[in-house]
Amino acid sequence: MNEEKPVTNSVFTVKDENGKNIECEILFTFESPETNKNYIVYTDNTKDEVGALKVYANIYDKNGNSKDLLPLETEEEWNTVEAILSKLEEKDDK
């Protein structure tokens, strides 16, 4: 089972396609035993056209050997992230 690890007050900076620095806040990280990969879920605290917070997910190197964020590769990975987000939203609503 995937266990999400909430992260508090953790930010990092990424560069967008124009070279502009964007500050992002880490929402949580988790490791998937099914894929043997580590995932990071974060936001740049902007909203989409309907007012929902924009959230992003990537694969990352937990050991810090690489600082690159890699894209999720399968629909299964996206489904896992979405399921965890839904579960966290349910907790917040209670």
N, C-alpha and C. Protein backbone atom coordinates (compact mmCIF):
# COMPACT_ATOMS: atom_id res chain seq x y z
N MET A 1 0.84 -1.18 0.00
CA MET A 1 0.00 0.00 0.00
C MET A 1 0.88 1.24 0.00
N ASN A 2 0.43 2.26 -0.66
CA ASN A 2 1.15 3.51 -0.71
C ASN A 2 0.88 4.30 0.55
N GLU A 3 1.93 4.86 1.15
CA GLU A 3 1.73 5.69 2.33
C GLU A 3 2.22 7.08 2.02
N GLU A 4 1.28 8.03 2.00
CA GLU A 4 1.66 9.39 1.70
C GLU A 4 2.29 10.03 2.93
N LYS A 5 3.26 10.88 2.70
CA LYS A 5 3.95 11.56 3.79
C LYS A 5 3.76 13.06 3.61
N PRO A 6 2.83 13.66 4.37
CA PRO A 6 2.64 15.10 4.24
C PRO A 6 3.93 15.84 4.59
N VAL A 7 4.18 16.90 3.88
CA VAL A 7 5.36 17.72 4.11
C VAL A 7 4.88 19.11 4.49
N THR A 8 5.45 19.69 5.53
CA THR A 8 5.01 21.01 5.94
C THR A 8 6.10 22.03 5.65
N ASN A 9 5.69 23.17 5.14
CA ASN A 9 6.58 24.30 4.87
C ASN A 9 7.80 23.93 4.06
N SER A 10 7.63 23.09 3.08
CA SER A 10 8.75 22.72 2.24
C SER A 10 8.52 23.26 0.83
N VAL A 11 9.44 24.09 0.37
CA VAL A 11 9.32 24.69 -0.94
C VAL A 11 10.57 24.42 -1.76
N PHE A 12 10.40 24.48 -3.07
CA PHE A 12 11.52 24.38 -3.98
C PHE A 12 11.23 25.25 -5.19
N THR A 13 12.24 25.51 -5.97
CA THR A 13 12.08 26.38 -7.12
C THR A 13 12.35 25.61 -8.40
N VAL A 14 11.49 25.83 -9.39
CA VAL A 14 11.69 25.25 -10.72
C VAL A 14 11.70 26.40 -11.72
N LYS A 15 12.27 26.14 -12.88
CA LYS A 15 12.25 27.13 -13.96
C LYS A 15 11.19 26.72 -14.97
N ASP A 16 10.40 27.69 -15.40
CA ASP A 16 9.41 27.39 -16.43
C ASP A 16 10.07 27.44 -17.80
N GLU A 17 9.27 27.26 -18.85
CA GLU A 17 9.82 27.19 -20.21
C GLU A 17 10.46 28.50 -20.65
N ASN A 18 10.16 29.60 -19.93
CA ASN A 18 10.75 30.90 -20.27
C ASN A 18 11.95 31.24 -19.38
N GLY A 19 12.35 30.31 -18.51
CA GLY A 19 13.48 30.54 -17.62
C GLY A 19 13.12 31.28 -16.35
N LYS A 20 11.84 31.52 -16.13
CA LYS A 20 11.39 32.22 -14.92
C LYS A 20 11.34 31.24 -13.75
N ASN A 21 11.84 31.66 -12.58
CA ASN A 21 11.79 30.83 -11.38
C ASN A 21 10.38 30.82 -10.81
N ILE A 22 9.88 29.63 -10.53
CA ILE A 22 8.55 29.44 -9.95
C ILE A 22 8.73 28.71 -8.62
N GLU A 23 8.21 29.29 -7.55
CA GLU A 23 8.29 28.65 -6.23
C GLU A 23 7.13 27.68 -6.08
N CYS A 24 7.45 26.45 -5.67
CA CYS A 24 6.45 25.40 -5.50
C CYS A 24 6.47 24.88 -4.07
N GLU A 25 5.31 24.52 -3.59
CA GLU A 25 5.16 23.97 -2.24
C GLU A 25 4.87 22.47 -2.34
N ILE A 26 5.65 21.68 -1.62
CA ILE A 26 5.44 20.23 -1.60
C ILE A 26 4.24 19.91 -0.73
N LEU A 27 3.28 19.19 -1.30
CA LEU A 27 2.09 18.78 -0.55
C LEU A 27 2.35 17.47 0.18
N PHE A 28 2.91 16.48 -0.54
CA PHE A 28 3.29 15.22 0.08
C PHE A 28 4.17 14.43 -0.87
N THR A 29 4.82 13.44 -0.32
CA THR A 29 5.61 12.49 -1.10
C THR A 29 5.15 11.08 -0.72
N PHE A 30 5.38 10.14 -1.61
CA PHE A 30 5.08 8.75 -1.27
C PHE A 30 5.91 7.82 -2.15
N GLU A 31 6.07 6.61 -1.66
CA GLU A 31 6.77 5.56 -2.39
C GLU A 31 5.76 4.49 -2.76
N SER A 32 5.83 4.02 -3.99
CA SER A 32 4.92 2.98 -4.43
C SER A 32 5.66 1.65 -4.50
N PRO A 33 5.25 0.66 -3.72
CA PRO A 33 5.88 -0.66 -3.81
C PRO A 33 5.60 -1.34 -5.15
N GLU A 34 4.47 -0.97 -5.78
CA GLU A 34 4.13 -1.57 -7.07
C GLU A 34 5.11 -1.16 -8.17
N THR A 35 5.49 0.12 -8.16
CA THR A 35 6.39 0.62 -9.21
C THR A 35 7.83 0.76 -8.73
N ASN A 36 8.02 0.70 -7.41
CA ASN A 36 9.34 0.90 -6.81
C ASN A 36 9.89 2.29 -7.14
N LYS A 37 8.99 3.27 -7.18
CA LYS A 37 9.37 4.65 -7.47
C LYS A 37 8.88 5.57 -6.36
N ASN A 38 9.52 6.73 -6.26
CA ASN A 38 9.12 7.75 -5.30
C ASN A 38 8.46 8.90 -6.05
N TYR A 39 7.37 9.40 -5.47
CA TYR A 39 6.58 10.44 -6.12
C TYR A 39 6.52 11.67 -5.23
N ILE A 40 6.45 12.83 -5.88
CA ILE A 40 6.29 14.10 -5.19
C ILE A 40 5.06 14.78 -5.78
N VAL A 41 4.21 15.30 -4.90
CA VAL A 41 3.01 16.00 -5.33
C VAL A 41 3.13 17.42 -4.76
N TYR A 42 2.96 18.41 -5.64
CA TYR A 42 3.23 19.79 -5.24
C TYR A 42 2.33 20.76 -5.99
N THR A 43 2.39 22.01 -5.56
CA THR A 43 1.59 23.06 -6.19
C THR A 43 2.43 24.33 -6.32
N ASP A 44 2.08 25.13 -7.31
CA ASP A 44 2.69 26.46 -7.43
C ASP A 44 1.73 27.52 -6.87
N ASN A 45 0.70 27.05 -6.19
CA ASN A 45 -0.31 27.88 -5.54
C ASN A 45 -1.05 28.81 -6.50
N THR A 46 -1.19 28.37 -7.74
CA THR A 46 -2.03 29.09 -8.69
C THR A 46 -3.33 28.32 -8.85
N LYS A 47 -4.32 28.97 -9.41
CA LYS A 47 -5.62 28.33 -9.60
C LYS A 47 -5.92 28.18 -11.08
N ASP A 48 -6.72 27.17 -11.40
CA ASP A 48 -7.13 26.96 -12.78
C ASP A 48 -8.35 27.84 -13.09
N GLU A 49 -8.93 27.67 -14.26
CA GLU A 49 -10.03 28.53 -14.70
C GLU A 49 -11.30 28.40 -13.88
N VAL A 50 -11.44 27.31 -13.11
CA VAL A 50 -12.63 27.16 -12.24
C VAL A 50 -12.31 27.43 -10.78
N GLY A 51 -11.09 27.90 -10.51
CA GLY A 51 -10.72 28.27 -9.15
C GLY A 51 -10.12 27.17 -8.31
N ALA A 52 -9.83 26.02 -8.91
CA ALA A 52 -9.23 24.92 -8.17
C ALA A 52 -7.70 25.08 -8.15
N LEU A 53 -7.10 24.71 -7.05
CA LEU A 53 -5.65 24.78 -6.91
C LEU A 53 -4.98 23.84 -7.91
N LYS A 54 -3.99 24.35 -8.63
CA LYS A 54 -3.25 23.51 -9.58
C LYS A 54 -2.27 22.64 -8.80
N VAL A 55 -2.32 21.33 -9.07
CA VAL A 55 -1.47 20.36 -8.40
C VAL A 55 -0.73 19.56 -9.46
N TYR A 56 0.55 19.28 -9.18
CA TYR A 56 1.41 18.56 -10.12
C TYR A 56 2.02 17.36 -9.41
N ALA A 57 2.41 16.37 -10.19
CA ALA A 57 3.06 15.17 -9.63
C ALA A 57 4.19 14.74 -10.55
N ASN A 58 5.28 14.30 -9.92
CA ASN A 58 6.42 13.80 -10.67
C ASN A 58 7.08 12.67 -9.90
N ILE A 59 7.94 11.96 -10.60
CA ILE A 59 8.81 10.96 -9.99
C ILE A 59 10.08 11.70 -9.58
N TYR A 60 10.61 11.37 -8.40
CA TYR A 60 11.85 12.00 -7.96
C TYR A 60 12.79 10.99 -7.34
N ASP A 61 14.05 11.37 -7.23
CA ASP A 61 15.08 10.52 -6.63
C ASP A 61 15.15 10.82 -5.14
N LYS A 62 14.63 9.91 -4.34
CA LYS A 62 14.57 10.07 -2.89
C LYS A 62 15.95 10.22 -2.27
N ASN A 63 16.95 9.62 -2.88
CA ASN A 63 18.31 9.66 -2.35
C ASN A 63 19.05 10.94 -2.72
N GLY A 64 18.47 11.75 -3.58
CA GLY A 64 19.08 13.02 -3.93
C GLY A 64 20.21 12.92 -4.94
N ASN A 65 20.39 11.76 -5.58
CA ASN A 65 21.45 11.62 -6.58
C ASN A 65 21.15 12.44 -7.82
N SER A 66 19.88 12.68 -8.07
CA SER A 66 19.46 13.51 -9.20
C SER A 66 18.38 14.46 -8.71
N LYS A 67 18.46 15.70 -9.12
CA LYS A 67 17.44 16.68 -8.74
C LYS A 67 16.36 16.81 -9.81
N ASP A 68 16.46 16.02 -10.87
CA ASP A 68 15.48 16.06 -11.94
C ASP A 68 14.14 15.49 -11.49
N LEU A 69 13.07 16.15 -11.90
CA LEU A 69 11.72 15.63 -11.70
C LEU A 69 11.30 15.00 -13.00
N LEU A 70 10.92 13.73 -12.93
CA LEU A 70 10.56 12.98 -14.12
C LEU A 70 9.04 12.85 -14.22
N PRO A 71 8.52 12.79 -15.42
CA PRO A 71 7.06 12.69 -15.58
C PRO A 71 6.53 11.33 -15.16
N LEU A 72 5.27 11.32 -14.70
CA LEU A 72 4.60 10.05 -14.47
C LEU A 72 4.45 9.37 -15.80
N GLU A 73 4.62 8.05 -15.81
CA GLU A 73 4.72 7.33 -17.08
C GLU A 73 3.47 6.57 -17.48
N THR A 74 2.61 6.27 -16.51
CA THR A 74 1.46 5.44 -16.84
C THR A 74 0.17 6.01 -16.25
N GLU A 75 -0.93 5.56 -16.80
CA GLU A 75 -2.23 5.95 -16.27
C GLU A 75 -2.39 5.43 -14.84
N GLU A 76 -1.82 4.27 -14.55
CA GLU A 76 -1.88 3.70 -13.20
C GLU A 76 -1.23 4.64 -12.18
N GLU A 77 -0.09 5.24 -12.56
CA GLU A 77 0.58 6.18 -11.65
C GLU A 77 -0.32 7.39 -11.38
N TRP A 78 -0.94 7.94 -12.43
CA TRP A 78 -1.84 9.07 -12.25
C TRP A 78 -3.04 8.68 -11.39
N ASN A 79 -3.58 7.50 -11.60
CA ASN A 79 -4.72 7.03 -10.80
C ASN A 79 -4.35 6.93 -9.33
N THR A 80 -3.14 6.47 -9.04
CA THR A 80 -2.68 6.37 -7.65
C THR A 80 -2.60 7.75 -7.01
N VAL A 81 -1.99 8.70 -7.72
CA VAL A 81 -1.89 10.07 -7.20
C VAL A 81 -3.28 10.66 -6.97
N GLU A 82 -4.16 10.50 -7.93
CA GLU A 82 -5.51 11.04 -7.80
C GLU A 82 -6.27 10.41 -6.65
N ALA A 83 -6.07 9.13 -6.42
CA ALA A 83 -6.74 8.44 -5.31
C ALA A 83 -6.25 9.00 -3.96
N ILE A 84 -4.96 9.24 -3.85
CA ILE A 84 -4.42 9.80 -2.61
C ILE A 84 -4.94 11.22 -2.40
N LEU A 85 -4.97 12.02 -3.45
CA LEU A 85 -5.51 13.38 -3.34
C LEU A 85 -6.97 13.35 -2.90
N SER A 86 -7.75 12.45 -3.46
CA SER A 86 -9.16 12.33 -3.07
C SER A 86 -9.29 11.95 -1.60
N LYS A 87 -8.46 11.03 -1.16
CA LYS A 87 -8.49 10.60 0.23
C LYS A 87 -8.13 11.76 1.16
N LEU A 88 -7.15 12.56 0.78
CA LEU A 88 -6.75 13.70 1.60
C LEU A 88 -7.85 14.77 1.62
N GLU A 89 -8.52 14.98 0.49
CA GLU A 89 -9.63 15.93 0.44
C GLU A 89 -10.76 15.49 1.37
N GLU A 90 -11.03 14.19 1.40
CA GLU A 90 -12.08 13.67 2.28
C GLU A 90 -11.73 13.94 3.74
N LYS A 91 -10.45 13.76 4.11
CA LYS A 91 -10.02 14.03 5.48
C LYS A 91 -10.20 15.50 5.82
N ASP A 92 -9.88 16.38 4.88
CA ASP A 92 -10.02 17.83 5.10
C ASP A 92 -11.47 18.26 5.26
N ASP A 93 -12.38 17.54 4.59
CA ASP A 93 -13.79 17.89 4.64
C ASP A 93 -14.45 17.49 5.95
N LYS A 94 -13.80 16.63 6.73
CA LYS A 94 -14.40 16.15 7.99
C LYS A 94 -14.15 17.10 9.12
